[in-house]
């Protein structure tokens, strides 16, 4: 788990490579206890990495499992301590890339 930040709480972070219609996208989903936060969708891996670097600079980008596949798959899953501001930024970042 990453370093604790004030107001932080344990969250599961999942990155999926999703086929939606004719296009592929990267979906970032965060879960906190029984709450699922609004997914953040990104049209490219580069956009996802740029956002992760700015909001969660310690995110282990090298652990993303990127592969050529015809179906949706999970590229990363991990436990993180995120604060409310980080969760909100991730949701907003996804909206700006839809």
PDB file of N, CA and C in Angstrom:
ATOM      1  N   UNK A   1       0.842  -1.170   0.000  1.00  0.00           N
ATOM      2  CA  UNK A   1       0.000   0.000   0.000  1.00  0.00           C
ATOM      3  C   UNK A   1       0.889   1.237   0.000  1.00  0.00           C
ATOM      4  N   UNK A   2       0.464   2.305  -0.665  1.00  0.00           N
ATOM      5  CA  UNK A   2       1.307   3.493  -0.721  1.00  0.00           C
ATOM      6  C   UNK A   2       1.307   4.204   0.615  1.00  0.00           C
ATOM      7  N   UNK A   3       2.089   5.264   0.735  1.00  0.00           N
ATOM      8  CA  UNK A   3       2.175   6.004   1.979  1.00  0.00           C
ATOM      9  C   UNK A   3       0.835   6.641   2.315  1.00  0.00           C
ATOM     10  N   UNK A   4       0.548   6.698   3.617  1.00  0.00           N
ATOM     11  CA  UNK A   4      -0.714   7.284   4.057  1.00  0.00           C
ATOM     12  C   UNK A   4      -0.688   8.796   3.887  1.00  0.00           C
ATOM     13  N   UNK A   5      -1.790   9.320   3.419  1.00  0.00           N
ATOM     14  CA  UNK A   5      -1.966  10.753   3.255  1.00  0.00           C
ATOM     15  C   UNK A   5      -3.088  11.137   4.197  1.00  0.00           C
ATOM     16  N   UNK A   6      -3.064  12.359   4.779  1.00  0.00           N
ATOM     17  CA  UNK A   6      -4.141  12.740   5.675  1.00  0.00           C
ATOM     18  C   UNK A   6      -5.476  12.557   4.975  1.00  0.00           C
ATOM     19  N   UNK A   7      -6.487  12.119   5.718  1.00  0.00           N
ATOM     20  CA  UNK A   7      -7.828  11.880   5.181  1.00  0.00           C
ATOM     21  C   UNK A   7      -7.839  10.704   4.204  1.00  0.00           C
ATOM     22  N   UNK A   8      -6.818   9.880   4.228  1.00  0.00           N
ATOM     23  CA  UNK A   8      -6.773   8.773   3.273  1.00  0.00           C
ATOM     24  C   UNK A   8      -7.537   7.572   3.811  1.00  0.00           C
ATOM     25  N   UNK A   9      -7.969   6.743   2.874  1.00  0.00           N
ATOM     26  CA  UNK A   9      -8.686   5.525   3.223  1.00  0.00           C
ATOM     27  C   UNK A   9      -8.289   4.440   2.237  1.00  0.00           C
ATOM     28  N   UNK A  10      -8.355   3.189   2.667  1.00  0.00           N
ATOM     29  CA  UNK A  10      -7.957   2.102   1.774  1.00  0.00           C
ATOM     30  C   UNK A  10      -8.916   1.957   0.603  1.00  0.00           C
ATOM     31  N   UNK A  11      -8.355   1.827  -0.584  1.00  0.00           N
ATOM     32  CA  UNK A  11      -9.140   1.660  -1.804  1.00  0.00           C
ATOM     33  C   UNK A  11      -8.491   0.590  -2.676  1.00  0.00           C
ATOM     34  N   UNK A  12      -9.310  -0.107  -3.414  1.00  0.00           N
ATOM     35  CA  UNK A  12      -8.806  -1.024  -4.438  1.00  0.00           C
ATOM     36  C   UNK A  12      -8.823  -0.245  -5.750  1.00  0.00           C
ATOM     37  N   UNK A  13      -7.710  -0.261  -6.443  1.00  0.00           N
ATOM     38  CA  UNK A  13      -7.579   0.423  -7.729  1.00  0.00           C
ATOM     39  C   UNK A  13      -7.444  -0.640  -8.810  1.00  0.00           C
ATOM     40  N   UNK A  14      -8.287  -0.530  -9.838  1.00  0.00           N
ATOM     41  CA  UNK A  14      -8.275  -1.495 -10.933  1.00  0.00           C
ATOM     42  C   UNK A  14      -8.197  -0.745 -12.258  1.00  0.00           C
ATOM     43  N   UNK A  15      -7.314  -1.192 -13.140  1.00  0.00           N
ATOM     44  CA  UNK A  15      -7.238  -0.658 -14.498  1.00  0.00           C
ATOM     45  C   UNK A  15      -7.666  -1.784 -15.428  1.00  0.00           C
ATOM     46  N   UNK A  16      -8.667  -1.513 -16.247  1.00  0.00           N
ATOM     47  CA  UNK A  16      -9.159  -2.489 -17.209  1.00  0.00           C
ATOM     48  C   UNK A  16      -8.887  -1.989 -18.621  1.00  0.00           C
ATOM     49  N   UNK A  17      -8.624  -2.905 -19.530  1.00  0.00           N
ATOM     50  CA  UNK A  17      -8.574  -2.583 -20.953  1.00  0.00           C
ATOM     51  C   UNK A  17      -9.891  -3.101 -21.506  1.00  0.00           C
ATOM     52  N   UNK A  18     -10.748  -2.195 -21.942  1.00  0.00           N
ATOM     53  CA  UNK A  18     -12.140  -2.513 -22.230  1.00  0.00           C
ATOM     54  C   UNK A  18     -12.466  -2.226 -23.684  1.00  0.00           C
ATOM     55  N   UNK A  19     -13.181  -3.155 -24.314  1.00  0.00           N
ATOM     56  CA  UNK A  19     -13.696  -2.902 -25.654  1.00  0.00           C
ATOM     57  C   UNK A  19     -15.126  -2.407 -25.493  1.00  0.00           C
ATOM     58  N   UNK A  20     -15.361  -1.199 -25.961  1.00  0.00           N
ATOM     59  CA  UNK A  20     -16.676  -0.583 -25.863  1.00  0.00           C
ATOM     60  C   UNK A  20     -17.121  -0.237 -27.274  1.00  0.00           C
ATOM     61  N   UNK A  21     -18.020  -1.029 -27.810  1.00  0.00           N
ATOM     62  CA  UNK A  21     -18.412  -0.845 -29.200  1.00  0.00           C
ATOM     63  C   UNK A  21     -17.255  -1.212 -30.108  1.00  0.00           C
ATOM     64  N   UNK A  22     -16.861  -0.276 -30.949  1.00  0.00           N
ATOM     65  CA  UNK A  22     -15.750  -0.493 -31.875  1.00  0.00           C
ATOM     66  C   UNK A  22     -14.414  -0.005 -31.338  1.00  0.00           C
ATOM     67  N   UNK A  23     -14.419   0.645 -30.182  1.00  0.00           N
ATOM     68  CA  UNK A  23     -13.164   1.224 -29.694  1.00  0.00           C
ATOM     69  C   UNK A  23     -12.699   0.561 -28.400  1.00  0.00           C
ATOM     70  N   UNK A  24     -11.405   0.662 -28.191  1.00  0.00           N
ATOM     71  CA  UNK A  24     -10.785   0.185 -26.961  1.00  0.00           C
ATOM     72  C   UNK A  24     -10.500   1.376 -26.072  1.00  0.00           C
ATOM     73  N   UNK A  25     -10.643   1.203 -24.769  1.00  0.00           N
ATOM     74  CA  UNK A  25     -10.300   2.266 -23.832  1.00  0.00           C
ATOM     75  C   UNK A  25      -9.736   1.658 -22.560  1.00  0.00           C
ATOM     76  N   UNK A  26      -9.117   2.506 -21.759  1.00  0.00           N
ATOM     77  CA  UNK A  26      -8.595   2.103 -20.456  1.00  0.00           C
ATOM     78  C   UNK A  26      -9.535   2.681 -19.404  1.00  0.00           C
ATOM     79  N   UNK A  27     -10.016   1.824 -18.517  1.00  0.00           N
ATOM     80  CA  UNK A  27     -10.968   2.238 -17.487  1.00  0.00           C
ATOM     81  C   UNK A  27     -10.305   2.064 -16.124  1.00  0.00           C
ATOM     82  N   UNK A  28     -10.299   3.154 -15.372  1.00  0.00           N
ATOM     83  CA  UNK A  28      -9.759   3.157 -14.016  1.00  0.00           C
ATOM     84  C   UNK A  28     -10.941   3.145 -13.053  1.00  0.00           C
ATOM     85  N   UNK A  29     -11.008   2.118 -12.202  1.00  0.00           N
ATOM     86  CA  UNK A  29     -12.107   1.980 -11.258  1.00  0.00           C
ATOM     87  C   UNK A  29     -11.523   1.928  -9.857  1.00  0.00           C
ATOM     88  N   UNK A  30     -12.141   2.656  -8.921  1.00  0.00           N
ATOM     89  CA  UNK A  30     -11.721   2.601  -7.527  1.00  0.00           C
ATOM     90  C   UNK A  30     -12.890   2.141  -6.664  1.00  0.00           C
ATOM     91  N   UNK A  31     -12.582   1.259  -5.722  1.00  0.00           N
ATOM     92  CA  UNK A  31     -13.563   0.718  -4.790  1.00  0.00           C
ATOM     93  C   UNK A  31     -13.105   1.058  -3.378  1.00  0.00           C
ATOM     94  N   UNK A  32     -14.050   1.428  -2.555  1.00  0.00           N
ATOM     95  CA  UNK A  32     -13.747   1.761  -1.168  1.00  0.00           C
ATOM     96  C   UNK A  32     -14.813   1.086  -0.310  1.00  0.00           C
ATOM     97  N   UNK A  33     -14.431   0.132   0.514  1.00  0.00           N
ATOM     98  CA  UNK A  33     -15.387  -0.698   1.260  1.00  0.00           C
ATOM     99  C   UNK A  33     -16.433  -1.230   0.301  1.00  0.00           C
ATOM    100  N   UNK A  34     -17.655  -0.785   0.439  1.00  0.00           N
ATOM    101  CA  UNK A  34     -18.719  -1.261  -0.454  1.00  0.00           C
ATOM    102  C   UNK A  34     -19.113  -0.209  -1.480  1.00  0.00           C
ATOM    103  N   UNK A  35     -18.339   0.851  -1.575  1.00  0.00           N
ATOM    104  CA  UNK A  35     -18.649   1.935  -2.506  1.00  0.00           C
ATOM    105  C   UNK A  35     -17.770   1.825  -3.756  1.00  0.00           C
ATOM    106  N   UNK A  36     -18.404   1.935  -4.918  1.00  0.00           N
ATOM    107  CA  UNK A  36     -17.674   1.966  -6.181  1.00  0.00           C
ATOM    108  C   UNK A  36     -17.714   3.398  -6.678  1.00  0.00           C
ATOM    109  N   UNK A  37     -16.554   3.981  -6.919  1.00  0.00           N
ATOM    110  CA  UNK A  37     -16.491   5.343  -7.446  1.00  0.00           C
ATOM    111  C   UNK A  37     -16.739   5.315  -8.947  1.00  0.00           C
ATOM    112  N   UNK A  38     -17.142   6.442  -9.473  1.00  0.00           N
ATOM    113  CA  UNK A  38     -17.410   6.544 -10.909  1.00  0.00           C
ATOM    114  C   UNK A  38     -16.142   6.194 -11.689  1.00  0.00           C
ATOM    115  N   UNK A  39     -16.238   5.299 -12.650  1.00  0.00           N
ATOM    116  CA  UNK A  39     -15.054   4.920 -13.438  1.00  0.00           C
ATOM    117  C   UNK A  39     -14.532   6.107 -14.252  1.00  0.00           C
ATOM    118  N   UNK A  40     -13.237   6.114 -14.458  1.00  0.00           N
ATOM    119  CA  UNK A  40     -12.595   7.113 -15.307  1.00  0.00           C
ATOM    120  C   UNK A  40     -12.110   6.409 -16.570  1.00  0.00           C
ATOM    121  N   UNK A  41     -12.595   6.858 -17.727  1.00  0.00           N
ATOM    122  CA  UNK A  41     -12.238   6.242 -19.007  1.00  0.00           C
ATOM    123  C   UNK A  41     -11.225   7.093 -19.756  1.00  0.00           C
ATOM    124  N   UNK A  42     -10.251   6.419 -20.378  1.00  0.00           N
ATOM    125  CA  UNK A  42      -9.201   7.086 -21.130  1.00  0.00           C
ATOM    126  C   UNK A  42      -9.072   6.412 -22.489  1.00  0.00           C
ATOM    127  N   UNK A  43      -8.930   7.206 -23.539  1.00  0.00           N
ATOM    128  CA  UNK A  43      -8.885   6.656 -24.889  1.00  0.00           C
ATOM    129  C   UNK A  43      -7.522   6.083 -25.261  1.00  0.00           C
ATOM    130  N   UNK A  44      -6.496   6.363 -24.456  1.00  0.00           N
ATOM    131  CA  UNK A  44      -5.175   5.804 -24.754  1.00  0.00           C
ATOM    132  C   UNK A  44      -4.407   5.523 -23.465  1.00  0.00           C
ATOM    133  N   UNK A  45      -3.445   4.645 -23.568  1.00  0.00           N
ATOM    134  CA  UNK A  45      -2.581   4.329 -22.444  1.00  0.00           C
ATOM    135  C   UNK A  45      -1.772   5.553 -22.030  1.00  0.00           C
ATOM    136  N   UNK A  46      -1.346   6.345 -23.001  1.00  0.00           N
ATOM    137  CA  UNK A  46      -0.556   7.545 -22.705  1.00  0.00           C
ATOM    138  C   UNK A  46      -1.349   8.528 -21.843  1.00  0.00           C
ATOM    139  N   UNK A  47      -2.637   8.717 -22.153  1.00  0.00           N
ATOM    140  CA  UNK A  47      -3.477   9.615 -21.353  1.00  0.00           C
ATOM    141  C   UNK A  47      -3.627   9.090 -19.937  1.00  0.00           C
ATOM    142  N   UNK A  48      -3.874   7.796 -19.798  1.00  0.00           N
ATOM    143  CA  UNK A  48      -4.012   7.186 -18.479  1.00  0.00           C
ATOM    144  C   UNK A  48      -2.742   7.387 -17.662  1.00  0.00           C
ATOM    145  N   UNK A  49      -1.597   7.110 -18.250  1.00  0.00           N
ATOM    146  CA  UNK A  49      -0.321   7.243 -17.537  1.00  0.00           C
ATOM    147  C   UNK A  49      -0.067   8.697 -17.144  1.00  0.00           C
ATOM    148  N   UNK A  50      -0.365   9.631 -18.042  1.00  0.00           N
ATOM    149  CA  UNK A  50      -0.169  11.052 -17.728  1.00  0.00           C
ATOM    150  C   UNK A  50      -0.992  11.460 -16.510  1.00  0.00           C
ATOM    151  N   UNK A  51      -2.247  11.029 -16.461  1.00  0.00           N
ATOM    152  CA  UNK A  51      -3.123  11.366 -15.333  1.00  0.00           C
ATOM    153  C   UNK A  51      -2.637  10.687 -14.052  1.00  0.00           C
ATOM    154  N   UNK A  52      -2.299   9.411 -14.152  1.00  0.00           N
ATOM    155  CA  UNK A  52      -1.794   8.711 -12.973  1.00  0.00           C
ATOM    156  C   UNK A  52      -0.531   9.379 -12.434  1.00  0.00           C
ATOM    157  N   UNK A  53       0.379   9.772 -13.327  1.00  0.00           N
ATOM    158  CA  UNK A  53       1.616  10.446 -12.906  1.00  0.00           C
ATOM    159  C   UNK A  53       1.327  11.756 -12.174  1.00  0.00           C
ATOM    160  N   UNK A  54       0.287  12.471 -12.598  1.00  0.00           N
ATOM    161  CA  UNK A  54       0.000  13.766 -11.975  1.00  0.00           C
ATOM    162  C   UNK A  54      -0.759  13.630 -10.657  1.00  0.00           C
ATOM    163  N   UNK A  55      -1.610  12.601 -10.526  1.00  0.00           N
ATOM    164  CA  UNK A  55      -2.421  12.461  -9.321  1.00  0.00           C
ATOM    165  C   UNK A  55      -1.809  11.467  -8.332  1.00  0.00           C
ATOM    166  N   UNK A  56      -1.247  10.385  -8.844  1.00  0.00           N
ATOM    167  CA  UNK A  56      -0.619   9.347  -8.021  1.00  0.00           C
ATOM    168  C   UNK A  56       0.793   9.076  -8.539  1.00  0.00           C
ATOM    169  N   UNK A  57       1.715  10.000  -8.305  1.00  0.00           N
ATOM    170  CA  UNK A  57       3.055   9.865  -8.894  1.00  0.00           C
ATOM    171  C   UNK A  57       3.772   8.560  -8.524  1.00  0.00           C
ATOM    172  N   UNK A  58       3.403   7.946  -7.414  1.00  0.00           N
ATOM    173  CA  UNK A  58       4.058   6.697  -7.018  1.00  0.00           C
ATOM    174  C   UNK A  58       3.387   5.457  -7.610  1.00  0.00           C
ATOM    175  N   UNK A  59       2.384   5.649  -8.479  1.00  0.00           N
ATOM    176  CA  UNK A  59       1.713   4.512  -9.110  1.00  0.00           C
ATOM    177  C   UNK A  59       2.719   3.720  -9.934  1.00  0.00           C
ATOM    178  N   UNK A  60       2.757   2.384  -9.768  1.00  0.00           N
ATOM    179  CA  UNK A  60       3.750   1.553 -10.465  1.00  0.00           C
ATOM    180  C   UNK A  60       3.340   1.256 -11.914  1.00  0.00           C
ATOM    181  N   UNK A  61       3.529   2.222 -12.785  1.00  0.00           N
ATOM    182  CA  UNK A  61       3.127   2.088 -14.191  1.00  0.00           C
ATOM    183  C   UNK A  61       3.742   0.839 -14.815  1.00  0.00           C
ATOM    184  N   UNK A  62       4.930   0.482 -14.381  1.00  0.00           N
ATOM    185  CA  UNK A  62       5.597  -0.698 -14.941  1.00  0.00           C
ATOM    186  C   UNK A  62       4.861  -2.005 -14.617  1.00  0.00           C
ATOM    187  N   UNK A  63       3.909  -1.977 -13.687  1.00  0.00           N
ATOM    188  CA  UNK A  63       3.145  -3.177 -13.353  1.00  0.00           C
ATOM    189  C   UNK A  63       1.874  -3.333 -14.188  1.00  0.00           C
ATOM    190  N   UNK A  64       1.558  -2.353 -15.036  1.00  0.00           N
ATOM    191  CA  UNK A  64       0.405  -2.490 -15.925  1.00  0.00           C
ATOM    192  C   UNK A  64       0.667  -3.644 -16.894  1.00  0.00           C
ATOM    193  N   UNK A  65      -0.229  -4.580 -16.952  1.00  0.00           N
ATOM    194  CA  UNK A  65      -0.097  -5.743 -17.829  1.00  0.00           C
ATOM    195  C   UNK A  65      -0.811  -5.442 -19.148  1.00  0.00           C
ATOM    196  N   UNK A  66      -0.084  -4.894 -20.109  1.00  0.00           N
ATOM    197  CA  UNK A  66      -0.666  -4.519 -21.398  1.00  0.00           C
ATOM    198  C   UNK A  66      -0.364  -5.627 -22.401  1.00  0.00           C
ATOM    199  N   UNK A  67      -1.425  -6.099 -23.050  1.00  0.00           N
ATOM    200  CA  UNK A  67      -1.247  -7.169 -24.033  1.00  0.00           C
ATOM    201  C   UNK A  67      -2.288  -7.045 -25.129  1.00  0.00           C
ATOM    202  N   UNK A  68      -1.997  -7.646 -26.244  1.00  0.00           N
ATOM    203  CA  UNK A  68      -2.944  -7.696 -27.362  1.00  0.00           C
ATOM    204  C   UNK A  68      -3.943  -8.797 -27.062  1.00  0.00           C
ATOM    205  N   UNK A  69      -5.189  -8.422 -26.986  1.00  0.00           N
ATOM    206  CA  UNK A  69      -6.217  -9.394 -26.658  1.00  0.00           C
ATOM    207  C   UNK A  69      -7.537  -8.936 -27.258  1.00  0.00           C
ATOM    208  N   UNK A  70      -8.371  -9.853 -27.627  1.00  0.00           N
ATOM    209  CA  UNK A  70      -9.642  -9.534 -28.267  1.00  0.00           C
ATOM    210  C   UNK A  70     -10.766  -9.260 -27.278  1.00  0.00           C
ATOM    211  N   UNK A  71     -10.540  -9.495 -25.992  1.00  0.00           N
ATOM    212  CA  UNK A  71     -11.595  -9.282 -25.013  1.00  0.00           C
ATOM    213  C   UNK A  71     -11.092  -8.391 -23.873  1.00  0.00           C
ATOM    214  N   UNK A  72     -12.023  -7.894 -23.098  1.00  0.00           N
ATOM    215  CA  UNK A  72     -11.705  -7.055 -21.948  1.00  0.00           C
ATOM    216  C   UNK A  72     -10.864  -7.842 -20.943  1.00  0.00           C
ATOM    217  N   UNK A  73      -9.891  -7.163 -20.326  1.00  0.00           N
ATOM    218  CA  UNK A  73      -9.079  -7.812 -19.299  1.00  0.00           C
ATOM    219  C   UNK A  73      -8.634  -6.790 -18.268  1.00  0.00           C
ATOM    220  N   UNK A  74      -8.209  -7.277 -17.124  1.00  0.00           N
ATOM    221  CA  UNK A  74      -7.703  -6.418 -16.049  1.00  0.00           C
ATOM    222  C   UNK A  74      -6.199  -6.266 -16.236  1.00  0.00           C
ATOM    223  N   UNK A  75      -5.746  -5.012 -16.362  1.00  0.00           N
ATOM    224  CA  UNK A  75      -4.329  -4.717 -16.578  1.00  0.00           C
ATOM    225  C   UNK A  75      -3.589  -4.465 -15.266  1.00  0.00           C
ATOM    226  N   UNK A  76      -4.331  -4.115 -14.208  1.00  0.00           N
ATOM    227  CA  UNK A  76      -3.703  -3.847 -12.909  1.00  0.00           C
ATOM    228  C   UNK A  76      -4.768  -3.905 -11.828  1.00  0.00           C
ATOM    229  N   UNK A  77      -4.386  -4.405 -10.682  1.00  0.00           N
ATOM    230  CA  UNK A  77      -5.217  -4.308  -9.487  1.00  0.00           C
ATOM    231  C   UNK A  77      -4.295  -4.189  -8.283  1.00  0.00           C
ATOM    232  N   UNK A  78      -4.649  -3.313  -7.370  1.00  0.00           N
ATOM    233  CA  UNK A  78      -3.828  -3.112  -6.186  1.00  0.00           C
ATOM    234  C   UNK A  78      -4.569  -2.335  -5.120  1.00  0.00           C
ATOM    235  N   UNK A  79      -4.031  -2.372  -3.909  1.00  0.00           N
ATOM    236  CA  UNK A  79      -4.598  -1.649  -2.776  1.00  0.00           C
ATOM    237  C   UNK A  79      -3.814  -0.353  -2.568  1.00  0.00           C
ATOM    238  N   UNK A  80      -4.542   0.744  -2.423  1.00  0.00           N
ATOM    239  CA  UNK A  80      -3.924   2.050  -2.226  1.00  0.00           C
ATOM    240  C   UNK A  80      -4.648   2.809  -1.126  1.00  0.00           C
ATOM    241  N   UNK A  81      -3.950   3.740  -0.504  1.00  0.00           N
ATOM    242  CA  UNK A  81      -4.583   4.686   0.415  1.00  0.00           C
ATOM    243  C   UNK A  81      -4.758   5.975  -0.354  1.00  0.00           C
ATOM    244  N   UNK A  82      -6.011   6.353  -0.606  1.00  0.00           N
ATOM    245  CA  UNK A  82      -6.308   7.560  -1.373  1.00  0.00           C
ATOM    246  C   UNK A  82      -7.141   8.502  -0.529  1.00  0.00           C
ATOM    247  N   UNK A  83      -6.919   9.796  -0.720  1.00  0.00           N
ATOM    248  CA  UNK A  83      -7.747  10.759  -0.011  1.00  0.00           C
ATOM    249  C   UNK A  83      -8.879  11.233  -0.923  1.00  0.00           C
ATOM    250  N   UNK A  84      -9.808  11.965  -0.361  1.00  0.00           N
ATOM    251  CA  UNK A  84     -10.973  12.424  -1.119  1.00  0.00           C
ATOM    252  C   UNK A  84     -10.605  13.254  -2.327  1.00  0.00           C
ATOM    253  N   UNK A  85      -9.584  14.096  -2.203  1.00  0.00           N
ATOM    254  CA  UNK A  85      -9.167  14.946  -3.326  1.00  0.00           C
ATOM    255  C   UNK A  85      -8.634  14.086  -4.473  1.00  0.00           C
ATOM    256  N   UNK A  86      -7.853  13.076  -4.164  1.00  0.00           N
ATOM    257  CA  UNK A  86      -7.314  12.203  -5.212  1.00  0.00           C
ATOM    258  C   UNK A  86      -8.445  11.447  -5.920  1.00  0.00           C
ATOM    259  N   UNK A  87      -9.395  10.928  -5.151  1.00  0.00           N
ATOM    260  CA  UNK A  87     -10.527  10.211  -5.757  1.00  0.00           C
ATOM    261  C   UNK A  87     -11.320  11.129  -6.678  1.00  0.00           C
ATOM    262  N   UNK A  88     -11.572  12.356  -6.238  1.00  0.00           N
ATOM    263  CA  UNK A  88     -12.314  13.317  -7.060  1.00  0.00           C
ATOM    264  C   UNK A  88     -11.536  13.667  -8.322  1.00  0.00           C
ATOM    265  N   UNK A  89     -10.233  13.860  -8.213  1.00  0.00           N
ATOM    266  CA  UNK A  89      -9.413  14.186  -9.384  1.00  0.00           C
ATOM    267  C   UNK A  89      -9.426  13.059 -10.401  1.00  0.00           C
ATOM    268  N   UNK A  90      -9.384  11.820  -9.937  1.00  0.00           N
ATOM    269  CA  UNK A  90      -9.413  10.683 -10.851  1.00  0.00           C
ATOM    270  C   UNK A  90     -10.740  10.617 -11.594  1.00  0.00           C
ATOM    271  N   UNK A  91     -11.847  10.857 -10.902  1.00  0.00           N
ATOM    272  CA  UNK A  91     -13.155  10.854 -11.547  1.00  0.00           C
ATOM    273  C   UNK A  91     -13.253  11.976 -12.581  1.00  0.00           C
ATOM    274  N   UNK A  92     -12.810  13.184 -12.231  1.00  0.00           N
ATOM    275  CA  UNK A  92     -12.856  14.321 -13.150  1.00  0.00           C
ATOM    276  C   UNK A  92     -11.943  14.126 -14.333  1.00  0.00           C
ATOM    277  N   UNK A  93     -10.775  13.532 -14.098  1.00  0.00           N
ATOM    278  CA  UNK A  93      -9.837  13.301 -15.210  1.00  0.00           C
ATOM    279  C   UNK A  93     -10.462  12.372 -16.233  1.00  0.00           C
ATOM    280  N   UNK A  94     -11.169  11.372 -15.788  1.00  0.00           N
ATOM    281  CA  UNK A  94     -11.827  10.449 -16.702  1.00  0.00           C
ATOM    282  C   UNK A  94     -12.892  11.137 -17.522  1.00  0.00           C
ATOM    283  N   UNK A  95     -13.632  12.034 -16.902  1.00  0.00           N
ATOM    284  CA  UNK A  95     -14.688  12.755 -17.630  1.00  0.00           C
ATOM    285  C   UNK A  95     -14.098  13.635 -18.708  1.00  0.00           C
ATOM    286  N   UNK A  96     -12.945  14.218 -18.466  1.00  0.00           N
ATOM    287  CA  UNK A  96     -12.356  15.119 -19.459  1.00  0.00           C
ATOM    288  C   UNK A  96     -11.786  14.360 -20.655  1.00  0.00           C
ATOM    289  N   UNK A  97     -11.650  13.027 -20.553  1.00  0.00           N
ATOM    290  CA  UNK A  97     -11.085  12.235 -21.641  1.00  0.00           C
ATOM    291  C   UNK A  97     -12.121  11.363 -22.345  1.00  0.00           C
ATOM    292  N   UNK A  98     -13.396  11.568 -22.069  1.00  0.00           N
ATOM    293  CA  UNK A  98     -14.456  10.753 -22.710  1.00  0.00           C
ATOM    294  C   UNK A  98     -14.800  11.285 -24.045  1.00  0.00           C
TER     295      UNK A  98
END
